[in-house]
Amino acid sequence: CTASGIIFSVNIMAWYRQAPGKQRE
């Protein structure tokens, strides 16, 4: 994941996923 337009170093970064028919987690 490459970011632009934000101060990357201060951000909490995360990965979420969503499977078909399921809630994002």
PDB file of all heavy atoms in Angstrom:
ATOM      1  N   CYS A   1       0.866  -1.178   0.000  1.00  0.00           N
ATOM      2  CA  CYS A   1       0.000   0.000   0.000  1.00  0.00           C
ATOM      3  C   CYS A   1       0.902   1.227   0.000  1.00  0.00           C
ATOM      4  O   CYS A   1       1.658   1.433   0.948  1.00  0.00           O
ATOM      5  CB  CYS A   1      -0.906   0.006   1.218  1.00  0.00           C
ATOM      6  SG  CYS A   1      -1.841   1.546   1.443  1.00  0.00           S
ATOM      7  N   THR A   2       0.794   1.997  -1.045  1.00  0.00           N
ATOM      8  CA  THR A   2       1.596   3.210  -1.149  1.00  0.00           C
ATOM      9  C   THR A   2       0.687   4.425  -0.993  1.00  0.00           C
ATOM     10  O   THR A   2      -0.352   4.519  -1.656  1.00  0.00           O
ATOM     11  CB  THR A   2       2.328   3.280  -2.492  1.00  0.00           C
ATOM     12  OG1 THR A   2       3.179   2.134  -2.607  1.00  0.00           O
ATOM     13  CG2 THR A   2       3.173   4.538  -2.583  1.00  0.00           C
ATOM     14  N   ALA A   3       1.074   5.320  -0.119  1.00  0.00           N
ATOM     15  CA  ALA A   3       0.248   6.484   0.202  1.00  0.00           C
ATOM     16  C   ALA A   3       0.834   7.764  -0.364  1.00  0.00           C
ATOM     17  O   ALA A   3       2.061   7.909  -0.487  1.00  0.00           O
ATOM     18  CB  ALA A   3       0.119   6.611   1.723  1.00  0.00           C
ATOM     19  N   SER A   4      -0.050   8.673  -0.685  1.00  0.00           N
ATOM     20  CA  SER A   4       0.353  10.015  -1.098  1.00  0.00           C
ATOM     21  C   SER A   4      -0.677  11.003  -0.572  1.00  0.00           C
ATOM     22  O   SER A   4      -1.824  10.647  -0.303  1.00  0.00           O
ATOM     23  CB  SER A   4       0.458  10.116  -2.620  1.00  0.00           C
ATOM     24  OG  SER A   4      -0.775   9.818  -3.233  1.00  0.00           O
ATOM     25  N   GLY A   5      -0.237  12.239  -0.389  1.00  0.00           N
ATOM     26  CA  GLY A   5      -1.161  13.276   0.060  1.00  0.00           C
ATOM     27  C   GLY A   5      -1.466  13.259   1.543  1.00  0.00           C
ATOM     28  O   GLY A   5      -2.349  13.988   1.998  1.00  0.00           O
ATOM     29  N   ILE A   6      -0.760  12.430   2.306  1.00  0.00           N
ATOM     30  CA  ILE A   6      -0.922  12.401   3.757  1.00  0.00           C
ATOM     31  C   ILE A   6       0.451  12.400   4.416  1.00  0.00           C
ATOM     32  O   ILE A   6       1.451  12.107   3.757  1.00  0.00           O
ATOM     33  CB  ILE A   6      -1.712  11.159   4.240  1.00  0.00           C
ATOM     34  CG1 ILE A   6      -0.963   9.865   3.908  1.00  0.00           C
ATOM     35  CG2 ILE A   6      -3.117  11.153   3.670  1.00  0.00           C
ATOM     36  CD1 ILE A   6      -1.581   8.616   4.534  1.00  0.00           C
ATOM     37  N   ILE A   7       0.471  12.751   5.707  1.00  0.00           N
ATOM     38  CA  ILE A   7       1.713  12.633   6.472  1.00  0.00           C
ATOM     39  C   ILE A   7       1.770  11.190   6.956  1.00  0.00           C
ATOM     40  O   ILE A   7       1.281  10.859   8.038  1.00  0.00           O
ATOM     41  CB  ILE A   7       1.742  13.632   7.639  1.00  0.00           C
ATOM     42  CG1 ILE A   7       1.506  15.052   7.128  1.00  0.00           C
ATOM     43  CG2 ILE A   7       3.091  13.548   8.366  1.00  0.00           C
ATOM     44  CD1 ILE A   7       1.362  16.088   8.225  1.00  0.00           C
ATOM     45  N   PHE A   8       2.344  10.340   6.132  1.00  0.00           N
ATOM     46  CA  PHE A   8       2.273   8.901   6.344  1.00  0.00           C
ATOM     47  C   PHE A   8       2.762   8.499   7.725  1.00  0.00           C
ATOM     48  O   PHE A   8       2.157   7.644   8.384  1.00  0.00           O
ATOM     49  CB  PHE A   8       3.100   8.200   5.263  1.00  0.00           C
ATOM     50  CG  PHE A   8       3.055   6.695   5.336  1.00  0.00           C
ATOM     51  CD1 PHE A   8       2.008   5.991   4.763  1.00  0.00           C
ATOM     52  CD2 PHE A   8       4.068   5.987   5.977  1.00  0.00           C
ATOM     53  CE1 PHE A   8       1.969   4.598   4.829  1.00  0.00           C
ATOM     54  CE2 PHE A   8       4.046   4.609   6.042  1.00  0.00           C
ATOM     55  CZ  PHE A   8       2.987   3.910   5.469  1.00  0.00           C
ATOM     56  N   SER A   9       3.834   9.110   8.193  1.00  0.00           N
ATOM     57  CA  SER A   9       4.500   8.639   9.408  1.00  0.00           C
ATOM     58  C   SER A   9       3.626   8.751  10.652  1.00  0.00           C
ATOM     59  O   SER A   9       3.829   8.005  11.608  1.00  0.00           O
ATOM     60  CB  SER A   9       5.801   9.409   9.624  1.00  0.00           C
ATOM     61  OG  SER A   9       5.532  10.789   9.759  1.00  0.00           O
ATOM     62  N   VAL A  10       2.643   9.645  10.660  1.00  0.00           N
ATOM     63  CA  VAL A  10       1.834   9.812  11.871  1.00  0.00           C
ATOM     64  C   VAL A  10       0.559   8.983  11.832  1.00  0.00           C
ATOM     65  O   VAL A  10      -0.156   8.891  12.821  1.00  0.00           O
ATOM     66  CB  VAL A  10       1.461  11.295  12.098  1.00  0.00           C
ATOM     67  CG1 VAL A  10       2.715  12.139  12.197  1.00  0.00           C
ATOM     68  CG2 VAL A  10       0.535  11.816  11.011  1.00  0.00           C
ATOM     69  N   ASN A  11       0.287   8.386  10.686  1.00  0.00           N
ATOM     70  CA  ASN A  11      -0.954   7.653  10.535  1.00  0.00           C
ATOM     71  C   ASN A  11      -0.876   6.237  11.081  1.00  0.00           C
ATOM     72  O   ASN A  11       0.150   5.566  10.944  1.00  0.00           O
ATOM     73  CB  ASN A  11      -1.346   7.577   9.061  1.00  0.00           C
ATOM     74  CG  ASN A  11      -2.103   8.807   8.601  1.00  0.00           C
ATOM     75  OD1 ASN A  11      -3.337   8.795   8.537  1.00  0.00           O
ATOM     76  ND2 ASN A  11      -1.392   9.862   8.289  1.00  0.00           N
ATOM     77  N   ILE A  12      -1.970   5.817  11.705  1.00  0.00           N
ATOM     78  CA  ILE A  12      -2.160   4.406  12.002  1.00  0.00           C
ATOM     79  C   ILE A  12      -2.590   3.750  10.698  1.00  0.00           C
ATOM     80  O   ILE A  12      -3.569   4.154  10.081  1.00  0.00           O
ATOM     81  CB  ILE A  12      -3.228   4.200  13.081  1.00  0.00           C
ATOM     82  CG1 ILE A  12      -2.795   4.856  14.388  1.00  0.00           C
ATOM     83  CG2 ILE A  12      -3.513   2.715  13.282  1.00  0.00           C
ATOM     84  CD1 ILE A  12      -3.878   4.897  15.434  1.00  0.00           C
ATOM     85  N   MET A  13      -1.847   2.759  10.278  1.00  0.00           N
ATOM     86  CA  MET A  13      -2.140   2.073   9.021  1.00  0.00           C
ATOM     87  C   MET A  13      -2.719   0.695   9.324  1.00  0.00           C
ATOM     88  O   MET A  13      -2.361   0.059  10.329  1.00  0.00           O
ATOM     89  CB  MET A  13      -0.874   1.933   8.192  1.00  0.00           C
ATOM     90  CG  MET A  13      -0.192   3.239   7.848  1.00  0.00           C
ATOM     91  SD  MET A  13      -1.218   4.324   6.841  1.00  0.00           S
ATOM     92  CE  MET A  13      -1.401   3.329   5.354  1.00  0.00           C
ATOM     93  N   ALA A  14      -3.581   0.238   8.455  1.00  0.00           N
ATOM     94  CA  ALA A  14      -4.219  -1.052   8.695  1.00  0.00           C
ATOM     95  C   ALA A  14      -4.644  -1.697   7.382  1.00  0.00           C
ATOM     96  O   ALA A  14      -4.790  -1.026   6.356  1.00  0.00           O
ATOM     97  CB  ALA A  14      -5.429  -0.882   9.612  1.00  0.00           C
ATOM     98  N   TRP A  15      -4.835  -2.994   7.463  1.00  0.00           N
ATOM     99  CA  TRP A  15      -5.431  -3.777   6.381  1.00  0.00           C
ATOM    100  C   TRP A  15      -6.760  -4.332   6.883  1.00  0.00           C
ATOM    101  O   TRP A  15      -6.827  -4.920   7.966  1.00  0.00           O
ATOM    102  CB  TRP A  15      -4.528  -4.926   5.973  1.00  0.00           C
ATOM    103  CG  TRP A  15      -3.292  -4.509   5.269  1.00  0.00           C
ATOM    104  CD1 TRP A  15      -2.052  -4.336   5.827  1.00  0.00           C
ATOM    105  CD2 TRP A  15      -3.141  -4.206   3.874  1.00  0.00           C
ATOM    106  NE1 TRP A  15      -1.159  -3.941   4.873  1.00  0.00           N
ATOM    107  CE2 TRP A  15      -1.795  -3.862   3.666  1.00  0.00           C
ATOM    108  CE3 TRP A  15      -4.016  -4.200   2.801  1.00  0.00           C
ATOM    109  CZ2 TRP A  15      -1.308  -3.506   2.407  1.00  0.00           C
ATOM    110  CZ3 TRP A  15      -3.533  -3.852   1.556  1.00  0.00           C
ATOM    111  CH2 TRP A  15      -2.191  -3.507   1.363  1.00  0.00           C
ATOM    112  N   TYR A  16      -7.789  -4.151   6.077  1.00  0.00           N
ATOM    113  CA  TYR A  16      -9.088  -4.766   6.296  1.00  0.00           C
ATOM    114  C   TYR A  16      -9.364  -5.689   5.127  1.00  0.00           C
ATOM    115  O   TYR A  16      -8.729  -5.604   4.077  1.00  0.00           O
ATOM    116  CB  TYR A  16     -10.193  -3.712   6.373  1.00  0.00           C
ATOM    117  CG  TYR A  16     -10.251  -2.947   7.675  1.00  0.00           C
ATOM    118  CD1 TYR A  16      -9.325  -1.950   7.969  1.00  0.00           C
ATOM    119  CD2 TYR A  16     -11.238  -3.210   8.613  1.00  0.00           C
ATOM    120  CE1 TYR A  16      -9.380  -1.245   9.167  1.00  0.00           C
ATOM    121  CE2 TYR A  16     -11.309  -2.515   9.810  1.00  0.00           C
ATOM    122  CZ  TYR A  16     -10.382  -1.529  10.078  1.00  0.00           C
ATOM    123  OH  TYR A  16     -10.435  -0.839  11.268  1.00  0.00           O
ATOM    124  N   ARG A  17     -10.328  -6.567   5.307  1.00  0.00           N
ATOM    125  CA  ARG A  17     -10.757  -7.408   4.200  1.00  0.00           C
ATOM    126  C   ARG A  17     -12.253  -7.645   4.275  1.00  0.00           C
ATOM    127  O   ARG A  17     -12.851  -7.571   5.350  1.00  0.00           O
ATOM    128  CB  ARG A  17     -10.009  -8.736   4.184  1.00  0.00           C
ATOM    129  CG  ARG A  17     -10.327  -9.662   5.327  1.00  0.00           C
ATOM    130  CD  ARG A  17      -9.425 -10.904   5.266  1.00  0.00           C
ATOM    131  NE  ARG A  17      -9.711 -11.839   6.357  1.00  0.00           N
ATOM    132  CZ  ARG A  17      -8.984 -12.922   6.614  1.00  0.00           C
ATOM    133  NH1 ARG A  17      -7.921 -13.213   5.853  1.00  0.00           N
ATOM    134  NH2 ARG A  17      -9.317 -13.712   7.611  1.00  0.00           N
ATOM    135  N   GLN A  18     -12.817  -7.925   3.123  1.00  0.00           N
ATOM    136  CA  GLN A  18     -14.235  -8.242   3.053  1.00  0.00           C
ATOM    137  C   GLN A  18     -14.430  -9.377   2.067  1.00  0.00           C
ATOM    138  O   GLN A  18     -14.115  -9.250   0.882  1.00  0.00           O
ATOM    139  CB  GLN A  18     -15.056  -7.032   2.630  1.00  0.00           C
ATOM    140  CG  GLN A  18     -16.550  -7.267   2.699  1.00  0.00           C
ATOM    141  CD  GLN A  18     -17.352  -5.989   2.615  1.00  0.00           C
ATOM    142  OE1 GLN A  18     -16.875  -4.957   2.140  1.00  0.00           O
ATOM    143  NE2 GLN A  18     -18.589  -6.029   3.087  1.00  0.00           N
ATOM    144  N   ALA A  19     -14.955 -10.471   2.599  1.00  0.00           N
ATOM    145  CA  ALA A  19     -15.280 -11.631   1.778  1.00  0.00           C
ATOM    146  C   ALA A  19     -16.725 -11.517   1.311  1.00  0.00           C
ATOM    147  O   ALA A  19     -17.538 -10.839   1.960  1.00  0.00           O
ATOM    148  CB  ALA A  19     -15.074 -12.905   2.578  1.00  0.00           C
ATOM    149  N   PRO A  20     -17.073 -12.195   0.217  1.00  0.00           N
ATOM    150  CA  PRO A  20     -18.451 -12.125  -0.286  1.00  0.00           C
ATOM    151  C   PRO A  20     -19.457 -12.548   0.771  1.00  0.00           C
ATOM    152  O   PRO A  20     -19.298 -13.598   1.414  1.00  0.00           O
ATOM    153  CB  PRO A  20     -18.435 -13.121  -1.450  1.00  0.00           C
ATOM    154  CG  PRO A  20     -17.025 -13.152  -1.900  1.00  0.00           C
ATOM    155  CD  PRO A  20     -16.205 -12.980  -0.665  1.00  0.00           C
ATOM    156  N   GLY A  21     -20.451 -11.720   0.985  1.00  0.00           N
ATOM    157  CA  GLY A  21     -21.497 -12.039   1.942  1.00  0.00           C
ATOM    158  C   GLY A  21     -21.123 -11.842   3.394  1.00  0.00           C
ATOM    159  O   GLY A  21     -21.908 -12.184   4.291  1.00  0.00           O
ATOM    160  N   LYS A  22     -19.935 -11.319   3.645  1.00  0.00           N
ATOM    161  CA  LYS A  22     -19.488 -11.130   5.031  1.00  0.00           C
ATOM    162  C   LYS A  22     -19.180  -9.665   5.297  1.00  0.00           C
ATOM    163  O   LYS A  22     -18.997  -8.870   4.383  1.00  0.00           O
ATOM    164  CB  LYS A  22     -18.250 -11.987   5.308  1.00  0.00           C
ATOM    165  CG  LYS A  22     -18.495 -13.468   5.245  1.00  0.00           C
ATOM    166  CD  LYS A  22     -17.275 -14.248   5.706  1.00  0.00           C
ATOM    167  CE  LYS A  22     -17.536 -15.737   5.724  1.00  0.00           C
ATOM    168  NZ  LYS A  22     -16.356 -16.500   6.203  1.00  0.00           N
ATOM    169  N   GLN A  23     -19.128  -9.338   6.572  1.00  0.00           N
ATOM    170  CA  GLN A  23     -18.793  -7.973   6.956  1.00  0.00           C
ATOM    171  C   GLN A  23     -17.301  -7.716   6.801  1.00  0.00           C
ATOM    172  O   GLN A  23     -16.488  -8.640   6.881  1.00  0.00           O
ATOM    173  CB  GLN A  23     -19.213  -7.728   8.418  1.00  0.00           C
ATOM    174  CG  GLN A  23     -20.706  -7.616   8.620  1.00  0.00           C
ATOM    175  CD  GLN A  23     -21.049  -7.133  10.012  1.00  0.00           C
ATOM    176  OE1 GLN A  23     -20.317  -7.385  10.970  1.00  0.00           O
ATOM    177  NE2 GLN A  23     -22.160  -6.426  10.140  1.00  0.00           N
ATOM    178  N   ARG A  24     -16.978  -6.466   6.597  1.00  0.00           N
ATOM    179  CA  ARG A  24     -15.572  -6.093   6.525  1.00  0.00           C
ATOM    180  C   ARG A  24     -14.936  -6.309   7.900  1.00  0.00           C
ATOM    181  O   ARG A  24     -15.547  -5.985   8.918  1.00  0.00           O
ATOM    182  CB  ARG A  24     -15.462  -4.632   6.092  1.00  0.00           C
ATOM    183  CG  ARG A  24     -14.081  -4.196   5.697  1.00  0.00           C
ATOM    184  CD  ARG A  24     -14.125  -2.820   5.056  1.00  0.00           C
ATOM    185  NE  ARG A  24     -14.843  -2.805   3.791  1.00  0.00           N
ATOM    186  CZ  ARG A  24     -14.926  -1.737   3.014  1.00  0.00           C
ATOM    187  NH1 ARG A  24     -14.375  -0.593   3.383  1.00  0.00           N
ATOM    188  NH2 ARG A  24     -15.600  -1.808   1.888  1.00  0.00           N
ATOM    189  N   GLU A  25     -13.724  -6.827   7.933  1.00  0.00           N
ATOM    190  CA  GLU A  25     -13.066  -7.100   9.204  1.00  0.00           C
ATOM    191  C   GLU A  25     -11.624  -6.601   9.183  1.00  0.00           C
ATOM    192  O   GLU A  25     -10.968  -6.562   8.127  1.00  0.00           O
ATOM    193  CB  GLU A  25     -13.068  -8.606   9.499  1.00  0.00           C
ATOM    194  CG  GLU A  25     -12.299  -9.453   8.501  1.00  0.00           C
ATOM    195  CD  GLU A  25     -12.200 -10.913   8.904  1.00  0.00           C
ATOM    196  OE1 GLU A  25     -12.590 -11.265  10.035  1.00  0.00           O
ATOM    197  OE2 GLU A  25     -11.705 -11.711   8.085  1.00  0.00           O
TER     198      GLU A  25
END
